[in-house]
């Protein structure tokens, strides 16, 4: 991976082997440590990592659970909604007793129980403006698990401005998409290169069209996987591709997404 000092973001430093780990942590994360692509150094980078998740619905709940159990050091979860009965079909951190309670607060309780080593910061409000900028600035990786274009574009603008990699997911009906945007890489597109603001894109919401419950779990798990790869520094770069999944046909497609040199968001970086 390239050095990213031009964007003010340094790659994660190597930690001394075993410096931060006691026997309990070595056991907890042993199945990661056994992977040569991650090893102890990669797991230590994960445990020092900071991830911001915007949206604690169908995508954010499975993504956050995998990130917490994987040992991400700091999880900031942002959602201004309360749990609704219609969420229970697919949003796996909530149950009937949680209906009416703030999603982020309920999710934080579950995540802290899943892994007490992880610090969970709660934002029980919709992140906008300077609050969004502040939270993106604190993160190493940002997960866009939101459900509307306005929020997606705001997150993208903040990620580009601050040079933070963004993992974007979406799911509706039986169709899903996943993309990684990394402004530290000169040739990486941003979300606006793919879906320009004000473009002729029809916004579909699962509250209107429906969504297949396991589909959001698939996408949320993949978002967690891409975030962990970025933190650990393993695997091939995933930016520059749009991954499309049709759950009815069990069909995966990958589409190349070039950077738009005149993109109003990232074109001048």
C-alpha atoms as a PDB file:
ATOM      1  CA  UNK A   1       0.000   0.000   0.000  1.00  0.00           C
ATOM      2  CA  UNK A   2       1.228   3.500  -0.727  1.00  0.00           C
ATOM      3  CA  UNK A   3       2.213   6.037   1.891  1.00  0.00           C
ATOM      4  CA  UNK A   4      -0.546   8.576   2.388  1.00  0.00           C
ATOM      5  CA  UNK A   5       1.271  11.528   3.923  1.00  0.00           C
ATOM      6  CA  UNK A   6       0.039  13.813   1.133  1.00  0.00           C
ATOM      7  CA  UNK A   7      -3.446  13.476   2.589  1.00  0.00           C
ATOM      8  CA  UNK A   8      -2.351  13.834   6.216  1.00  0.00           C
ATOM      9  CA  UNK A   9      -3.083  10.192   6.990  1.00  0.00           C
ATOM     10  CA  UNK A  10      -0.194   7.896   7.853  1.00  0.00           C
ATOM     11  CA  UNK A  11      -0.414   4.133   7.384  1.00  0.00           C
ATOM     12  CA  UNK A  12      -0.739   2.201  10.654  1.00  0.00           C
ATOM     13  CA  UNK A  13       2.600   1.692  12.389  1.00  0.00           C
ATOM     14  CA  UNK A  14       3.872  -1.763  13.161  1.00  0.00           C
ATOM     15  CA  UNK A  15       3.419  -2.679  16.828  1.00  0.00           C
ATOM     16  CA  UNK A  16       5.947  -4.773  18.748  1.00  0.00           C
ATOM     17  CA  UNK A  17       4.787  -8.374  18.622  1.00  0.00           C
ATOM     18  CA  UNK A  18       2.696  -9.251  21.636  1.00  0.00           C
ATOM     19  CA  UNK A  19       3.200  -5.883  23.349  1.00  0.00           C
ATOM     20  CA  UNK A  20      -0.490  -5.143  23.906  1.00  0.00           C
ATOM     21  CA  UNK A  21      -1.832  -8.686  24.259  1.00  0.00           C
ATOM     22  CA  UNK A  22      -2.354 -10.808  27.336  1.00  0.00           C
ATOM     23  CA  UNK A  23      -3.198 -14.517  27.222  1.00  0.00           C
ATOM     24  CA  UNK A  24      -6.949 -13.895  27.157  1.00  0.00           C
ATOM     25  CA  UNK A  25      -6.649 -11.623  24.133  1.00  0.00           C
ATOM     26  CA  UNK A  26      -4.349 -14.068  22.352  1.00  0.00           C
ATOM     27  CA  UNK A  27      -7.007 -16.742  22.796  1.00  0.00           C
ATOM     28  CA  UNK A  28      -9.907 -14.477  21.790  1.00  0.00           C
ATOM     29  CA  UNK A  29      -8.268 -13.408  18.542  1.00  0.00           C
ATOM     30  CA  UNK A  30      -6.337 -16.616  17.856  1.00  0.00           C
ATOM     31  CA  UNK A  31      -8.238 -17.462  14.674  1.00  0.00           C
ATOM     32  CA  UNK A  32      -7.194 -14.144  13.164  1.00  0.00           C
ATOM     33  CA  UNK A  33      -3.636 -14.457  14.440  1.00  0.00           C
ATOM     34  CA  UNK A  34      -3.359 -17.888  12.790  1.00  0.00           C
ATOM     35  CA  UNK A  35      -3.970 -16.271   9.398  1.00  0.00           C
ATOM     36  CA  UNK A  36      -0.573 -15.313   7.953  1.00  0.00           C
ATOM     37  CA  UNK A  37      -2.165 -12.388   6.122  1.00  0.00           C
ATOM     38  CA  UNK A  38      -3.193 -10.894   9.494  1.00  0.00           C
ATOM     39  CA  UNK A  39      -0.888 -12.486  12.104  1.00  0.00           C
ATOM     40  CA  UNK A  40      -0.301 -10.817  15.466  1.00  0.00           C
ATOM     41  CA  UNK A  41       0.809  -7.495  13.994  1.00  0.00           C
ATOM     42  CA  UNK A  42      -2.352  -7.213  11.899  1.00  0.00           C
ATOM     43  CA  UNK A  43      -4.583  -8.055  14.840  1.00  0.00           C
ATOM     44  CA  UNK A  44      -2.823  -5.418  16.913  1.00  0.00           C
ATOM     45  CA  UNK A  45      -3.540  -2.873  14.178  1.00  0.00           C
ATOM     46  CA  UNK A  46      -7.188  -3.936  14.274  1.00  0.00           C
ATOM     47  CA  UNK A  47      -7.237  -3.495  18.050  1.00  0.00           C
ATOM     48  CA  UNK A  48      -5.860   0.028  17.652  1.00  0.00           C
ATOM     49  CA  UNK A  49      -8.283   0.829  14.848  1.00  0.00           C
ATOM     50  CA  UNK A  50     -11.092   3.385  14.961  1.00  0.00           C
ATOM     51  CA  UNK A  51     -14.220   2.860  12.847  1.00  0.00           C
ATOM     52  CA  UNK A  52     -17.209   5.165  12.370  1.00  0.00           C
ATOM     53  CA  UNK A  53     -20.481   3.493  11.367  1.00  0.00           C
ATOM     54  CA  UNK A  54     -23.232   5.800  10.117  1.00  0.00           C
ATOM     55  CA  UNK A  55     -26.575   4.016  10.274  1.00  0.00           C
ATOM     56  CA  UNK A  56     -27.400   1.199  12.683  1.00  0.00           C
ATOM     57  CA  UNK A  57     -30.054  -0.527  10.618  1.00  0.00           C
ATOM     58  CA  UNK A  58     -29.923  -3.632   8.443  1.00  0.00           C
ATOM     59  CA  UNK A  59     -26.308  -3.043   7.349  1.00  0.00           C
ATOM     60  CA  UNK A  60     -24.873  -1.347  10.411  1.00  0.00           C
ATOM     61  CA  UNK A  61     -26.007  -3.965  12.925  1.00  0.00           C
ATOM     62  CA  UNK A  62     -24.216  -6.996  11.409  1.00  0.00           C
ATOM     63  CA  UNK A  63     -21.200  -4.889  10.407  1.00  0.00           C
ATOM     64  CA  UNK A  64     -20.794  -3.514  13.920  1.00  0.00           C
ATOM     65  CA  UNK A  65     -21.154  -6.931  15.531  1.00  0.00           C
ATOM     66  CA  UNK A  66     -18.381  -8.436  13.405  1.00  0.00           C
ATOM     67  CA  UNK A  67     -16.139  -5.423  13.981  1.00  0.00           C
ATOM     68  CA  UNK A  68     -16.694  -5.552  17.738  1.00  0.00           C
ATOM     69  CA  UNK A  69     -16.046  -9.278  17.950  1.00  0.00           C
ATOM     70  CA  UNK A  70     -12.951  -8.817  15.785  1.00  0.00           C
ATOM     71  CA  UNK A  71     -11.534  -6.429  18.372  1.00  0.00           C
ATOM     72  CA  UNK A  72     -11.676  -3.018  16.683  1.00  0.00           C
ATOM     73  CA  UNK A  73     -10.441  -0.655  19.377  1.00  0.00           C
ATOM     74  CA  UNK A  74     -12.998   2.123  18.987  1.00  0.00           C
ATOM     75  CA  UNK A  75     -16.424   1.874  17.375  1.00  0.00           C
ATOM     76  CA  UNK A  76     -18.433   5.061  16.955  1.00  0.00           C
ATOM     77  CA  UNK A  77     -22.021   4.244  16.014  1.00  0.00           C
ATOM     78  CA  UNK A  78     -24.365   6.958  14.789  1.00  0.00           C
ATOM     79  CA  UNK A  79     -28.124   6.725  14.272  1.00  0.00           C
ATOM     80  CA  UNK A  80     -30.883   9.118  15.245  1.00  0.00           C
ATOM     81  CA  UNK A  81     -33.749   6.637  14.934  1.00  0.00           C
ATOM     82  CA  UNK A  82     -35.546   4.509  17.487  1.00  0.00           C
ATOM     83  CA  UNK A  83     -36.134   0.783  17.108  1.00  0.00           C
ATOM     84  CA  UNK A  84     -39.376   0.029  15.262  1.00  0.00           C
ATOM     85  CA  UNK A  85     -41.235  -3.277  15.091  1.00  0.00           C
ATOM     86  CA  UNK A  86     -40.610  -3.398  11.329  1.00  0.00           C
ATOM     87  CA  UNK A  87     -36.837  -3.425  12.004  1.00  0.00           C
ATOM     88  CA  UNK A  88     -36.910  -6.746  13.836  1.00  0.00           C
ATOM     89  CA  UNK A  89     -37.123  -8.796  10.627  1.00  0.00           C
ATOM     90  CA  UNK A  90     -33.490  -8.017   9.742  1.00  0.00           C
ATOM     91  CA  UNK A  91     -31.719  -5.683  12.212  1.00  0.00           C
ATOM     92  CA  UNK A  92     -30.040  -8.341  14.288  1.00  0.00           C
ATOM     93  CA  UNK A  93     -29.022  -6.382  17.413  1.00  0.00           C
ATOM     94  CA  UNK A  94     -32.605  -5.575  18.445  1.00  0.00           C
ATOM     95  CA  UNK A  95     -35.529  -7.515  19.862  1.00  0.00           C
ATOM     96  CA  UNK A  96     -39.120  -6.828  20.942  1.00  0.00           C
ATOM     97  CA  UNK A  97     -38.129  -5.265  24.256  1.00  0.00           C
ATOM     98  CA  UNK A  98     -36.094  -2.618  22.410  1.00  0.00           C
ATOM     99  CA  UNK A  99     -38.963  -1.161  20.354  1.00  0.00           C
ATOM    100  CA  UNK A 100     -39.147   2.580  20.947  1.00  0.00           C
ATOM    101  CA  UNK A 101     -35.607   2.875  22.334  1.00  0.00           C
ATOM    102  CA  UNK A 102     -32.757   4.713  20.539  1.00  0.00           C
ATOM    103  CA  UNK A 103     -31.032   2.342  18.144  1.00  0.00           C
ATOM    104  CA  UNK A 104     -27.506   3.519  18.881  1.00  0.00           C
ATOM    105  CA  UNK A 105     -27.919   3.111  22.643  1.00  0.00           C
ATOM    106  CA  UNK A 106     -29.415  -0.372  22.351  1.00  0.00           C
ATOM    107  CA  UNK A 107     -26.723  -1.402  19.870  1.00  0.00           C
ATOM    108  CA  UNK A 108     -23.976  -0.116  22.151  1.00  0.00           C
ATOM    109  CA  UNK A 109     -25.191  -2.295  25.029  1.00  0.00           C
ATOM    110  CA  UNK A 110     -25.145  -5.388  22.837  1.00  0.00           C
ATOM    111  CA  UNK A 111     -21.724  -4.606  21.342  1.00  0.00           C
ATOM    112  CA  UNK A 112     -20.134  -3.944  24.729  1.00  0.00           C
ATOM    113  CA  UNK A 113     -21.443  -7.267  25.961  1.00  0.00           C
ATOM    114  CA  UNK A 114     -20.161  -9.007  22.817  1.00  0.00           C
ATOM    115  CA  UNK A 115     -16.644  -7.701  23.460  1.00  0.00           C
ATOM    116  CA  UNK A 116     -15.818  -5.706  26.612  1.00  0.00           C
ATOM    117  CA  UNK A 117     -12.394  -4.864  25.148  1.00  0.00           C
ATOM    118  CA  UNK A 118     -13.983  -2.575  22.548  1.00  0.00           C
ATOM    119  CA  UNK A 119     -14.810   1.041  23.344  1.00  0.00           C
ATOM    120  CA  UNK A 120     -18.194   2.006  21.872  1.00  0.00           C
ATOM    121  CA  UNK A 121     -19.096   5.667  21.424  1.00  0.00           C
ATOM    122  CA  UNK A 122     -22.772   6.494  20.856  1.00  0.00           C
ATOM    123  CA  UNK A 123     -24.174   9.258  18.643  1.00  0.00           C
ATOM    124  CA  UNK A 124     -27.955   9.086  19.020  1.00  0.00           C
ATOM    125  CA  UNK A 125     -28.538  11.751  16.418  1.00  0.00           C
ATOM    126  CA  UNK A 126     -28.251  12.217  12.703  1.00  0.00           C
ATOM    127  CA  UNK A 127     -24.689  13.275  11.968  1.00  0.00           C
ATOM    128  CA  UNK A 128     -24.579  16.437   9.854  1.00  0.00           C
ATOM    129  CA  UNK A 129     -22.337  19.428   9.309  1.00  0.00           C
ATOM    130  CA  UNK A 130     -19.435  19.927  11.697  1.00  0.00           C
ATOM    131  CA  UNK A 131     -20.499  16.958  13.861  1.00  0.00           C
ATOM    132  CA  UNK A 132     -20.083  14.640  10.872  1.00  0.00           C
ATOM    133  CA  UNK A 133     -16.730  16.205   9.988  1.00  0.00           C
ATOM    134  CA  UNK A 134     -15.512  15.785  13.565  1.00  0.00           C
ATOM    135  CA  UNK A 135     -16.452  12.098  13.708  1.00  0.00           C
ATOM    136  CA  UNK A 136     -14.959  11.288  10.292  1.00  0.00           C
ATOM    137  CA  UNK A 137     -11.747  13.038  11.333  1.00  0.00           C
ATOM    138  CA  UNK A 138     -11.429  10.741  14.350  1.00  0.00           C
ATOM    139  CA  UNK A 139     -11.919   7.526  12.342  1.00  0.00           C
ATOM    140  CA  UNK A 140      -9.463   5.347  10.446  1.00  0.00           C
ATOM    141  CA  UNK A 141     -12.256   3.843   8.329  1.00  0.00           C
ATOM    142  CA  UNK A 142     -15.831   5.015   7.730  1.00  0.00           C
ATOM    143  CA  UNK A 143     -18.753   2.681   7.011  1.00  0.00           C
ATOM    144  CA  UNK A 144     -21.727   4.179   5.202  1.00  0.00           C
ATOM    145  CA  UNK A 145     -24.668   2.054   6.306  1.00  0.00           C
ATOM    146  CA  UNK A 146     -27.222   4.812   5.745  1.00  0.00           C
ATOM    147  CA  UNK A 147     -30.353   4.573   3.622  1.00  0.00           C
ATOM    148  CA  UNK A 148     -30.596   7.860   1.684  1.00  0.00           C
ATOM    149  CA  UNK A 149     -28.559   9.726  -0.911  1.00  0.00           C
ATOM    150  CA  UNK A 150     -28.310  12.984   1.051  1.00  0.00           C
ATOM    151  CA  UNK A 151     -26.517  11.265   3.918  1.00  0.00           C
ATOM    152  CA  UNK A 152     -24.368   9.185   1.580  1.00  0.00           C
ATOM    153  CA  UNK A 153     -23.148  12.270  -0.259  1.00  0.00           C
ATOM    154  CA  UNK A 154     -22.454  14.133   2.985  1.00  0.00           C
ATOM    155  CA  UNK A 155     -20.387  11.207   4.287  1.00  0.00           C
ATOM    156  CA  UNK A 156     -18.532  11.008   0.978  1.00  0.00           C
ATOM    157  CA  UNK A 157     -17.670  14.714   0.981  1.00  0.00           C
ATOM    158  CA  UNK A 158     -16.302  14.451   4.516  1.00  0.00           C
ATOM    159  CA  UNK A 159     -14.307  11.306   3.711  1.00  0.00           C
ATOM    160  CA  UNK A 160     -12.738  12.890   0.633  1.00  0.00           C
ATOM    161  CA  UNK A 161     -11.940  16.132   2.450  1.00  0.00           C
ATOM    162  CA  UNK A 162     -10.220  14.285   5.299  1.00  0.00           C
ATOM    163  CA  UNK A 163      -8.623  11.479   3.276  1.00  0.00           C
ATOM    164  CA  UNK A 164     -10.463   8.657   5.060  1.00  0.00           C
ATOM    165  CA  UNK A 165     -11.361   5.364   3.310  1.00  0.00           C
ATOM    166  CA  UNK A 166     -15.093   4.811   2.959  1.00  0.00           C
ATOM    167  CA  UNK A 167     -16.880   1.454   2.707  1.00  0.00           C
ATOM    168  CA  UNK A 168     -20.335   1.912   1.219  1.00  0.00           C
ATOM    169  CA  UNK A 169     -23.143  -0.644   1.147  1.00  0.00           C
ATOM    170  CA  UNK A 170     -26.763  -0.697   0.046  1.00  0.00           C
ATOM    171  CA  UNK A 171     -29.525  -3.286  -0.162  1.00  0.00           C
ATOM    172  CA  UNK A 172     -33.132  -3.194  -1.317  1.00  0.00           C
ATOM    173  CA  UNK A 173     -35.552  -5.913  -2.449  1.00  0.00           C
ATOM    174  CA  UNK A 174     -33.182  -8.780  -3.460  1.00  0.00           C
ATOM    175  CA  UNK A 175     -30.403  -6.536  -4.839  1.00  0.00           C
ATOM    176  CA  UNK A 176     -27.293  -5.206  -3.114  1.00  0.00           C
ATOM    177  CA  UNK A 177     -24.138  -3.294  -3.858  1.00  0.00           C
ATOM    178  CA  UNK A 178     -20.804  -2.743  -2.164  1.00  0.00           C
ATOM    179  CA  UNK A 179     -17.977  -0.329  -2.958  1.00  0.00           C
ATOM    180  CA  UNK A 180     -14.803   0.931  -1.313  1.00  0.00           C
ATOM    181  CA  UNK A 181     -13.608   4.483  -1.937  1.00  0.00           C
ATOM    182  CA  UNK A 182     -10.125   5.442  -0.776  1.00  0.00           C
ATOM    183  CA  UNK A 183      -9.139   9.097  -1.311  1.00  0.00           C
ATOM    184  CA  UNK A 184      -5.586   8.269  -0.219  1.00  0.00           C
ATOM    185  CA  UNK A 185      -5.178   6.502  -3.569  1.00  0.00           C
ATOM    186  CA  UNK A 186      -4.745   8.829  -6.552  1.00  0.00           C
ATOM    187  CA  UNK A 187      -6.848   6.722  -8.939  1.00  0.00           C
ATOM    188  CA  UNK A 188      -9.658   5.832  -6.542  1.00  0.00           C
ATOM    189  CA  UNK A 189     -13.082   7.228  -7.426  1.00  0.00           C
ATOM    190  CA  UNK A 190     -15.393   8.622  -4.779  1.00  0.00           C
ATOM    191  CA  UNK A 191     -19.100   7.968  -4.261  1.00  0.00           C
ATOM    192  CA  UNK A 192     -19.967  11.072  -6.309  1.00  0.00           C
ATOM    193  CA  UNK A 193     -18.012   9.709  -9.287  1.00  0.00           C
ATOM    194  CA  UNK A 194     -20.411   6.786  -9.309  1.00  0.00           C
ATOM    195  CA  UNK A 195     -23.605   8.600  -8.289  1.00  0.00           C
ATOM    196  CA  UNK A 196     -23.249  12.336  -8.982  1.00  0.00           C
ATOM    197  CA  UNK A 197     -25.236  14.633  -6.722  1.00  0.00           C
ATOM    198  CA  UNK A 198     -28.345  15.799  -8.535  1.00  0.00           C
ATOM    199  CA  UNK A 199     -28.003  12.947 -11.054  1.00  0.00           C
ATOM    200  CA  UNK A 200     -30.913  10.990 -12.479  1.00  0.00           C
ATOM    201  CA  UNK A 201     -30.889   8.217  -9.887  1.00  0.00           C
ATOM    202  CA  UNK A 202     -34.104   6.857  -8.394  1.00  0.00           C
ATOM    203  CA  UNK A 203     -33.840   6.470  -4.639  1.00  0.00           C
ATOM    204  CA  UNK A 204     -35.497   3.287  -3.410  1.00  0.00           C
ATOM    205  CA  UNK A 205     -36.258   2.722   0.256  1.00  0.00           C
ATOM    206  CA  UNK A 206     -36.912  -0.673   1.784  1.00  0.00           C
ATOM    207  CA  UNK A 207     -39.847   0.831   3.710  1.00  0.00           C
ATOM    208  CA  UNK A 208     -41.573   1.126   0.331  1.00  0.00           C
ATOM    209  CA  UNK A 209     -40.110  -1.686  -1.780  1.00  0.00           C
ATOM    210  CA  UNK A 210     -39.216  -4.270   0.904  1.00  0.00           C
ATOM    211  CA  UNK A 211     -35.923  -6.070   1.508  1.00  0.00           C
ATOM    212  CA  UNK A 212     -34.903  -9.714   1.864  1.00  0.00           C
ATOM    213  CA  UNK A 213     -33.669 -10.085   5.444  1.00  0.00           C
ATOM    214  CA  UNK A 214     -30.480 -12.173   4.887  1.00  0.00           C
ATOM    215  CA  UNK A 215     -29.373  -9.795   2.145  1.00  0.00           C
ATOM    216  CA  UNK A 216     -28.514  -6.998   4.578  1.00  0.00           C
ATOM    217  CA  UNK A 217     -26.504  -9.466   6.652  1.00  0.00           C
ATOM    218  CA  UNK A 218     -24.448 -10.423   3.596  1.00  0.00           C
ATOM    219  CA  UNK A 219     -23.672  -6.802   2.761  1.00  0.00           C
ATOM    220  CA  UNK A 220     -23.018  -5.747   6.355  1.00  0.00           C
ATOM    221  CA  UNK A 221     -20.596  -8.649   6.817  1.00  0.00           C
ATOM    222  CA  UNK A 222     -18.778  -7.668   3.624  1.00  0.00           C
ATOM    223  CA  UNK A 223     -18.512  -4.074   4.813  1.00  0.00           C
ATOM    224  CA  UNK A 224     -16.956  -5.336   8.043  1.00  0.00           C
ATOM    225  CA  UNK A 225     -14.566  -7.513   6.030  1.00  0.00           C
ATOM    226  CA  UNK A 226     -13.376  -4.576   3.924  1.00  0.00           C
ATOM    227  CA  UNK A 227     -12.941  -2.411   7.024  1.00  0.00           C
ATOM    228  CA  UNK A 228     -10.863  -5.104   8.751  1.00  0.00           C
ATOM    229  CA  UNK A 229      -8.694  -5.546   5.646  1.00  0.00           C
ATOM    230  CA  UNK A 230      -8.028  -1.811   5.585  1.00  0.00           C
ATOM    231  CA  UNK A 231      -7.146  -1.748   9.280  1.00  0.00           C
ATOM    232  CA  UNK A 232      -4.955  -4.845   9.176  1.00  0.00           C
ATOM    233  CA  UNK A 233      -3.313  -3.889   5.887  1.00  0.00           C
ATOM    234  CA  UNK A 234      -4.069  -7.210   4.185  1.00  0.00           C
ATOM    235  CA  UNK A 235      -5.643  -8.289   0.916  1.00  0.00           C
ATOM    236  CA  UNK A 236      -5.964  -6.580  -2.430  1.00  0.00           C
ATOM    237  CA  UNK A 237      -7.248  -2.999  -2.658  1.00  0.00           C
ATOM    238  CA  UNK A 238     -10.978  -3.031  -3.383  1.00  0.00           C
ATOM    239  CA  UNK A 239     -11.412   0.525  -4.580  1.00  0.00           C
ATOM    240  CA  UNK A 240     -12.377   1.151  -8.192  1.00  0.00           C
ATOM    241  CA  UNK A 241     -15.010  -1.595  -8.283  1.00  0.00           C
ATOM    242  CA  UNK A 242     -18.735  -1.776  -7.682  1.00  0.00           C
ATOM    243  CA  UNK A 243     -19.794  -5.208  -6.445  1.00  0.00           C
ATOM    244  CA  UNK A 244     -23.369  -6.137  -7.343  1.00  0.00           C
ATOM    245  CA  UNK A 245     -25.252  -9.056  -5.798  1.00  0.00           C
ATOM    246  CA  UNK A 246     -28.577 -10.560  -6.899  1.00  0.00           C
ATOM    247  CA  UNK A 247     -29.824 -12.756  -4.045  1.00  0.00           C
ATOM    248  CA  UNK A 248     -32.601 -14.331  -6.133  1.00  0.00           C
ATOM    249  CA  UNK A 249     -30.172 -15.609  -8.755  1.00  0.00           C
ATOM    250  CA  UNK A 250     -27.216 -15.925  -6.340  1.00  0.00           C
ATOM    251  CA  UNK A 251     -25.225 -13.949  -8.874  1.00  0.00           C
ATOM    252  CA  UNK A 252     -22.228 -11.698  -8.179  1.00  0.00           C
ATOM    253  CA  UNK A 253     -20.916  -9.111 -10.641  1.00  0.00           C
ATOM    254  CA  UNK A 254     -18.024  -6.679 -10.430  1.00  0.00           C
ATOM    255  CA  UNK A 255     -18.074  -3.455 -12.447  1.00  0.00           C
ATOM    256  CA  UNK A 256     -15.043  -1.206 -12.843  1.00  0.00           C
ATOM    257  CA  UNK A 257     -15.641   2.354 -11.666  1.00  0.00           C
ATOM    258  CA  UNK A 258     -13.083   4.898 -12.913  1.00  0.00           C
ATOM    259  CA  UNK A 259     -12.369   8.153 -11.163  1.00  0.00           C
ATOM    260  CA  UNK A 260     -14.097  11.151 -12.759  1.00  0.00           C
ATOM    261  CA  UNK A 261     -11.364  13.783 -13.288  1.00  0.00           C
ATOM    262  CA  UNK A 262     -13.968  16.564 -13.199  1.00  0.00           C
ATOM    263  CA  UNK A 263     -15.910  15.207 -10.220  1.00  0.00           C
ATOM    264  CA  UNK A 264     -16.985  18.231  -8.147  1.00  0.00           C
ATOM    265  CA  UNK A 265     -16.124  16.361  -4.918  1.00  0.00           C
ATOM    266  CA  UNK A 266     -12.786  14.621  -5.596  1.00  0.00           C
ATOM    267  CA  UNK A 267     -11.687  16.001  -8.968  1.00  0.00           C
ATOM    268  CA  UNK A 268      -9.501  18.709  -7.497  1.00  0.00           C
ATOM    269  CA  UNK A 269      -7.719  16.700  -4.844  1.00  0.00           C
END
